[in-house]
Amino acid sequence: MLGDAVYEATAERWHPDLAARWSHYIGNVDLAVSVFRGTSRKPRLMLLGRGDAAVLLPLYNLNDQVSFEAQWTRGATLWKKGPP
């Protein structure tokens, strides 16, 4: 049907997602690790031929993501490194 989305997961939009974050500080250093597993929130656009017309549909891929973050505090200065 025109305007339908396409999902990589067999459960389509009902596929369960998992997100978790751990954070801790040691002295002036803050550390964090985040993980995500599930359906991407940013669809890719896919061009499909349907009959005589071409249709542009959003494709939601499954995504596995891990990120690390670190911050060092010294006085009023913060030095940070995290995901781009």
N, C-alpha and C. Protein backbone atom coordinates (compact mmCIF):
# COMPACT_ATOMS: atom_id res chain seq x y z
N MET A 1 0.84 -1.18 0.00
CA MET A 1 0.00 0.00 0.00
C MET A 1 0.89 1.25 0.00
N LEU A 2 0.46 2.26 -0.68
CA LEU A 2 1.21 3.51 -0.77
C LEU A 2 1.39 4.12 0.62
N GLY A 3 2.62 4.49 0.95
CA GLY A 3 2.90 5.11 2.23
C GLY A 3 3.26 4.15 3.35
N ASP A 4 3.22 2.83 3.07
CA ASP A 4 3.62 1.87 4.09
C ASP A 4 5.11 1.93 4.33
N ALA A 5 5.52 1.60 5.55
CA ALA A 5 6.94 1.50 5.88
C ALA A 5 7.38 0.05 5.74
N VAL A 6 8.67 -0.16 5.50
CA VAL A 6 9.25 -1.50 5.40
C VAL A 6 10.18 -1.67 6.60
N TYR A 7 10.06 -2.83 7.29
CA TYR A 7 10.87 -3.11 8.48
C TYR A 7 11.75 -4.31 8.23
N GLU A 8 13.01 -4.25 8.68
CA GLU A 8 13.91 -5.39 8.57
C GLU A 8 13.49 -6.50 9.53
N ALA A 9 12.96 -6.16 10.69
CA ALA A 9 12.55 -7.15 11.70
C ALA A 9 11.28 -7.87 11.23
N THR A 10 11.22 -9.16 11.50
CA THR A 10 10.04 -9.93 11.10
C THR A 10 8.80 -9.50 11.88
N ALA A 11 8.97 -8.98 13.10
CA ALA A 11 7.83 -8.50 13.89
C ALA A 11 7.45 -7.07 13.50
N GLU A 12 8.11 -6.54 12.48
CA GLU A 12 7.89 -5.19 11.98
C GLU A 12 7.96 -4.16 13.11
N ARG A 13 6.98 -3.28 13.21
CA ARG A 13 7.05 -2.18 14.19
C ARG A 13 6.92 -2.67 15.63
N TRP A 14 6.56 -3.92 15.84
CA TRP A 14 6.38 -4.44 17.19
C TRP A 14 7.62 -5.16 17.71
N HIS A 15 8.73 -5.06 17.01
CA HIS A 15 9.99 -5.69 17.44
C HIS A 15 10.45 -5.02 18.73
N PRO A 16 10.78 -5.80 19.78
CA PRO A 16 11.23 -5.19 21.04
C PRO A 16 12.62 -4.56 20.91
N ASP A 17 12.82 -3.44 21.55
CA ASP A 17 14.10 -2.75 21.58
C ASP A 17 14.68 -2.85 22.99
N LEU A 18 16.00 -2.72 23.08
CA LEU A 18 16.68 -2.74 24.37
C LEU A 18 17.67 -1.59 24.40
N ALA A 19 17.60 -0.79 25.44
CA ALA A 19 18.56 0.29 25.64
C ALA A 19 19.00 0.27 27.10
N ALA A 20 20.30 0.46 27.32
CA ALA A 20 20.83 0.48 28.68
C ALA A 20 22.00 1.45 28.76
N ARG A 21 22.21 2.01 29.94
CA ARG A 21 23.32 2.93 30.15
C ARG A 21 23.89 2.71 31.54
N TRP A 22 25.22 2.66 31.62
CA TRP A 22 25.93 2.55 32.89
C TRP A 22 26.81 3.78 33.00
N SER A 23 26.81 4.43 34.15
CA SER A 23 27.70 5.58 34.36
C SER A 23 28.29 5.51 35.76
N HIS A 24 29.49 6.07 35.88
CA HIS A 24 30.21 6.04 37.16
C HIS A 24 31.23 7.17 37.15
N TYR A 25 31.59 7.63 38.31
CA TYR A 25 32.65 8.64 38.38
C TYR A 25 33.76 8.15 39.30
N ILE A 26 34.97 8.53 38.97
CA ILE A 26 36.16 8.24 39.78
C ILE A 26 36.91 9.55 39.90
N GLY A 27 36.84 10.17 41.05
CA GLY A 27 37.49 11.47 41.23
C GLY A 27 36.89 12.51 40.29
N ASN A 28 37.73 13.09 39.43
CA ASN A 28 37.29 14.12 38.49
C ASN A 28 36.87 13.55 37.14
N VAL A 29 36.81 12.24 37.02
CA VAL A 29 36.50 11.60 35.74
C VAL A 29 35.12 10.94 35.79
N ASP A 30 34.27 11.27 34.83
CA ASP A 30 32.96 10.63 34.66
C ASP A 30 33.05 9.70 33.46
N LEU A 31 32.58 8.47 33.61
CA LEU A 31 32.61 7.48 32.54
C LEU A 31 31.19 6.96 32.30
N ALA A 32 30.89 6.59 31.03
CA ALA A 32 29.57 6.02 30.73
C ALA A 32 29.69 5.10 29.52
N VAL A 33 28.87 4.06 29.53
CA VAL A 33 28.75 3.14 28.41
C VAL A 33 27.26 2.98 28.13
N SER A 34 26.87 3.11 26.86
CA SER A 34 25.47 2.95 26.46
C SER A 34 25.38 1.89 25.38
N VAL A 35 24.31 1.12 25.40
CA VAL A 35 24.06 0.12 24.36
C VAL A 35 22.61 0.25 23.89
N PHE A 36 22.41 -0.03 22.61
CA PHE A 36 21.07 -0.04 22.02
C PHE A 36 21.01 -1.18 21.03
N ARG A 37 19.92 -1.94 21.08
CA ARG A 37 19.67 -3.00 20.11
C ARG A 37 18.19 -2.95 19.77
N GLY A 38 17.90 -2.73 18.49
CA GLY A 38 16.50 -2.66 18.09
C GLY A 38 16.34 -1.99 16.75
N THR A 39 15.15 -1.49 16.50
CA THR A 39 14.82 -0.84 15.24
C THR A 39 15.38 0.58 15.22
N SER A 40 16.09 0.90 14.16
CA SER A 40 16.67 2.24 14.01
C SER A 40 15.57 3.29 13.98
N ARG A 41 15.85 4.45 14.54
CA ARG A 41 14.89 5.56 14.53
C ARG A 41 15.05 6.42 13.29
N LYS A 42 16.10 6.18 12.51
CA LYS A 42 16.34 6.94 11.28
C LYS A 42 16.15 6.02 10.08
N PRO A 43 15.04 6.14 9.37
CA PRO A 43 14.82 5.25 8.23
C PRO A 43 15.68 5.65 7.02
N ARG A 44 16.01 4.64 6.23
CA ARG A 44 16.60 4.89 4.91
C ARG A 44 15.44 4.94 3.94
N LEU A 45 15.57 5.69 2.86
CA LEU A 45 14.51 5.75 1.87
C LEU A 45 14.80 4.73 0.77
N MET A 46 13.79 3.97 0.39
CA MET A 46 13.93 2.90 -0.57
C MET A 46 12.94 3.15 -1.72
N LEU A 47 13.44 3.07 -2.94
CA LEU A 47 12.60 3.28 -4.12
C LEU A 47 12.13 1.93 -4.63
N LEU A 48 10.82 1.74 -4.67
CA LEU A 48 10.24 0.48 -5.14
C LEU A 48 9.33 0.74 -6.34
N GLY A 49 9.39 -0.17 -7.29
CA GLY A 49 8.47 -0.10 -8.42
C GLY A 49 7.20 -0.85 -8.07
N ARG A 50 6.06 -0.17 -8.19
CA ARG A 50 4.76 -0.79 -7.91
C ARG A 50 3.86 -0.53 -9.11
N GLY A 51 3.65 -1.57 -9.88
CA GLY A 51 2.83 -1.40 -11.07
C GLY A 51 3.52 -0.44 -12.03
N ASP A 52 2.84 0.60 -12.39
CA ASP A 52 3.39 1.60 -13.31
C ASP A 52 4.09 2.75 -12.58
N ALA A 53 4.05 2.74 -11.25
CA ALA A 53 4.59 3.87 -10.49
C ALA A 53 5.77 3.44 -9.63
N ALA A 54 6.61 4.39 -9.33
CA ALA A 54 7.70 4.19 -8.38
C ALA A 54 7.29 4.84 -7.06
N VAL A 55 7.54 4.12 -5.97
CA VAL A 55 7.13 4.60 -4.65
C VAL A 55 8.36 4.69 -3.75
N LEU A 56 8.47 5.78 -3.01
CA LEU A 56 9.55 5.98 -2.06
C LEU A 56 9.03 5.59 -0.67
N LEU A 57 9.64 4.56 -0.07
CA LEU A 57 9.18 4.06 1.23
C LEU A 57 10.31 4.14 2.26
N PRO A 58 9.96 4.41 3.53
CA PRO A 58 10.98 4.37 4.59
C PRO A 58 11.29 2.92 4.96
N LEU A 59 12.59 2.60 5.08
CA LEU A 59 13.05 1.28 5.49
C LEU A 59 13.71 1.41 6.85
N TYR A 60 13.18 0.70 7.84
CA TYR A 60 13.72 0.73 9.20
C TYR A 60 14.56 -0.52 9.43
N ASN A 61 15.88 -0.34 9.49
CA ASN A 61 16.81 -1.44 9.71
C ASN A 61 16.93 -1.75 11.19
N LEU A 62 17.40 -2.98 11.50
CA LEU A 62 17.76 -3.32 12.87
C LEU A 62 19.13 -2.73 13.15
N ASN A 63 19.35 -2.28 14.36
CA ASN A 63 20.56 -1.54 14.69
C ASN A 63 21.14 -2.05 16.02
N ASP A 64 22.43 -2.29 16.03
CA ASP A 64 23.17 -2.59 17.26
C ASP A 64 24.18 -1.48 17.45
N GLN A 65 24.16 -0.83 18.60
CA GLN A 65 25.02 0.33 18.82
C GLN A 65 25.58 0.32 20.23
N VAL A 66 26.88 0.61 20.36
CA VAL A 66 27.53 0.76 21.66
C VAL A 66 28.28 2.09 21.63
N SER A 67 28.19 2.86 22.71
CA SER A 67 28.92 4.12 22.76
C SER A 67 29.60 4.26 24.12
N PHE A 68 30.74 4.94 24.11
CA PHE A 68 31.53 5.20 25.31
C PHE A 68 31.67 6.72 25.46
N GLU A 69 31.59 7.18 26.69
CA GLU A 69 31.73 8.61 26.96
C GLU A 69 32.66 8.80 28.16
N ALA A 70 33.42 9.89 28.11
CA ALA A 70 34.30 10.22 29.22
C ALA A 70 34.34 11.74 29.38
N GLN A 71 34.40 12.19 30.62
CA GLN A 71 34.50 13.63 30.91
C GLN A 71 35.44 13.81 32.08
N TRP A 72 36.37 14.76 31.93
CA TRP A 72 37.31 15.09 33.00
C TRP A 72 37.02 16.53 33.40
N THR A 73 36.84 16.76 34.69
CA THR A 73 36.52 18.09 35.20
C THR A 73 37.71 18.62 35.99
N ARG A 74 38.11 19.85 35.66
CA ARG A 74 39.17 20.52 36.42
C ARG A 74 38.75 21.97 36.58
N GLY A 75 38.32 22.32 37.79
CA GLY A 75 37.82 23.68 38.03
C GLY A 75 36.58 23.93 37.20
N ALA A 76 36.61 25.01 36.41
CA ALA A 76 35.48 25.37 35.54
C ALA A 76 35.65 24.79 34.14
N THR A 77 36.66 23.95 33.93
CA THR A 77 36.93 23.39 32.60
C THR A 77 36.46 21.94 32.53
N LEU A 78 35.75 21.61 31.46
CA LEU A 78 35.30 20.23 31.21
C LEU A 78 35.95 19.75 29.92
N TRP A 79 36.57 18.59 29.96
CA TRP A 79 37.12 17.94 28.79
C TRP A 79 36.25 16.72 28.52
N LYS A 80 35.64 16.65 27.33
CA LYS A 80 34.70 15.59 27.04
C LYS A 80 35.11 14.82 25.79
N LYS A 81 34.82 13.53 25.80
CA LYS A 81 34.95 12.70 24.62
C LYS A 81 33.76 11.76 24.61
N GLY A 82 33.00 11.78 23.54
CA GLY A 82 31.82 10.95 23.43
C GLY A 82 31.56 10.58 21.99
N PRO A 83 30.39 10.04 21.72
CA PRO A 83 30.06 9.66 20.34
C PRO A 83 29.98 10.88 19.44
N PRO A 84 30.31 10.72 18.18
CA PRO A 84 30.24 11.85 17.24
C PRO A 84 28.82 12.33 17.00
